[in-house]
Amino acid sequence: MYRNTMRCSEEDYYALVCAVERYLNIADDPDWKIICAIIGIEEEEDV
């Protein structure tokens, strides 16, 4: 899972993720490394 490192609400954050997916036209198979780089999120490691 990914965590919000931006200063916005969770609703705005996930709306942005969806917008990025739509923009890149990869909603069915998103490349999270690219999305993370664009919107500044970090992958949480499962402990």
C-alpha atoms as a PDB file:
ATOM      1  CA  MET A   1       0.000   0.000   0.000  1.00  0.00           C
ATOM      2  CA  TYR A   2       1.037   3.568  -0.472  1.00  0.00           C
ATOM      3  CA  ARG A   3       0.888   6.385   2.007  1.00  0.00           C
ATOM      4  CA  ASN A   4       0.095  10.029   1.513  1.00  0.00           C
ATOM      5  CA  THR A   5       3.215  12.167   2.002  1.00  0.00           C
ATOM      6  CA  MET A   6       1.595  15.258   0.521  1.00  0.00           C
ATOM      7  CA  ARG A   7      -0.200  17.883   2.569  1.00  0.00           C
ATOM      8  CA  CYS A   8      -3.698  17.223   1.328  1.00  0.00           C
ATOM      9  CA  SER A   9      -6.696  15.223   2.435  1.00  0.00           C
ATOM     10  CA  GLU A  10      -6.912  11.518   1.666  1.00  0.00           C
ATOM     11  CA  GLU A  11      -9.837  12.226  -0.657  1.00  0.00           C
ATOM     12  CA  ASP A  12      -7.818  14.763  -2.647  1.00  0.00           C
ATOM     13  CA  TYR A  13      -4.834  12.413  -2.616  1.00  0.00           C
ATOM     14  CA  TYR A  14      -6.694   9.458  -4.099  1.00  0.00           C
ATOM     15  CA  ALA A  15      -8.447  11.728  -6.594  1.00  0.00           C
ATOM     16  CA  LEU A  16      -4.982  12.822  -7.716  1.00  0.00           C
ATOM     17  CA  VAL A  17      -3.811   9.212  -8.023  1.00  0.00           C
ATOM     18  CA  CYS A  18      -6.841   8.443 -10.201  1.00  0.00           C
ATOM     19  CA  ALA A  19      -6.229  11.561 -12.290  1.00  0.00           C
ATOM     20  CA  VAL A  20      -2.615  10.542 -12.863  1.00  0.00           C
ATOM     21  CA  GLU A  21      -3.726   7.045 -13.882  1.00  0.00           C
ATOM     22  CA  ARG A  22      -6.255   8.490 -16.325  1.00  0.00           C
ATOM     23  CA  TYR A  23      -3.702  10.952 -17.683  1.00  0.00           C
ATOM     24  CA  LEU A  24      -1.188   8.186 -18.320  1.00  0.00           C
ATOM     25  CA  ASN A  25      -3.958   5.857 -19.555  1.00  0.00           C
ATOM     26  CA  ILE A  26      -2.653   3.032 -17.389  1.00  0.00           C
ATOM     27  CA  ALA A  27      -5.509   2.578 -14.954  1.00  0.00           C
ATOM     28  CA  ASP A  28      -5.700  -1.144 -15.750  1.00  0.00           C
ATOM     29  CA  ASP A  29      -1.980  -1.711 -15.201  1.00  0.00           C
ATOM     30  CA  PRO A  30      -0.442   1.281 -13.404  1.00  0.00           C
ATOM     31  CA  ASP A  31       3.310   1.702 -13.193  1.00  0.00           C
ATOM     32  CA  TRP A  32       3.493   2.787  -9.570  1.00  0.00           C
ATOM     33  CA  LYS A  33       7.139   3.786  -9.759  1.00  0.00           C
ATOM     34  CA  ILE A  34       6.250   6.469 -12.302  1.00  0.00           C
ATOM     35  CA  ILE A  35       3.160   7.566 -10.387  1.00  0.00           C
ATOM     36  CA  CYS A  36       5.116   7.739  -7.134  1.00  0.00           C
ATOM     37  CA  ALA A  37       7.791   9.837  -8.780  1.00  0.00           C
ATOM     38  CA  ILE A  38       5.193  12.221 -10.190  1.00  0.00           C
ATOM     39  CA  ILE A  39       3.093  12.809  -7.080  1.00  0.00           C
ATOM     40  CA  GLY A  40       5.656  12.219  -4.357  1.00  0.00           C
ATOM     41  CA  ILE A  41       4.436   9.180  -2.473  1.00  0.00           C
ATOM     42  CA  GLU A  42       6.483   6.454  -0.860  1.00  0.00           C
ATOM     43  CA  GLU A  43       5.822   2.741  -0.756  1.00  0.00           C
ATOM     44  CA  GLU A  44       5.261   1.386   2.727  1.00  0.00           C
ATOM     45  CA  GLU A  45       7.099  -1.803   3.506  1.00  0.00           C
ATOM     46  CA  ASP A  46       5.020  -4.627   4.939  1.00  0.00           C
ATOM     47  CA  VAL A  47       6.369  -5.535   8.353  1.00  0.00           C
END
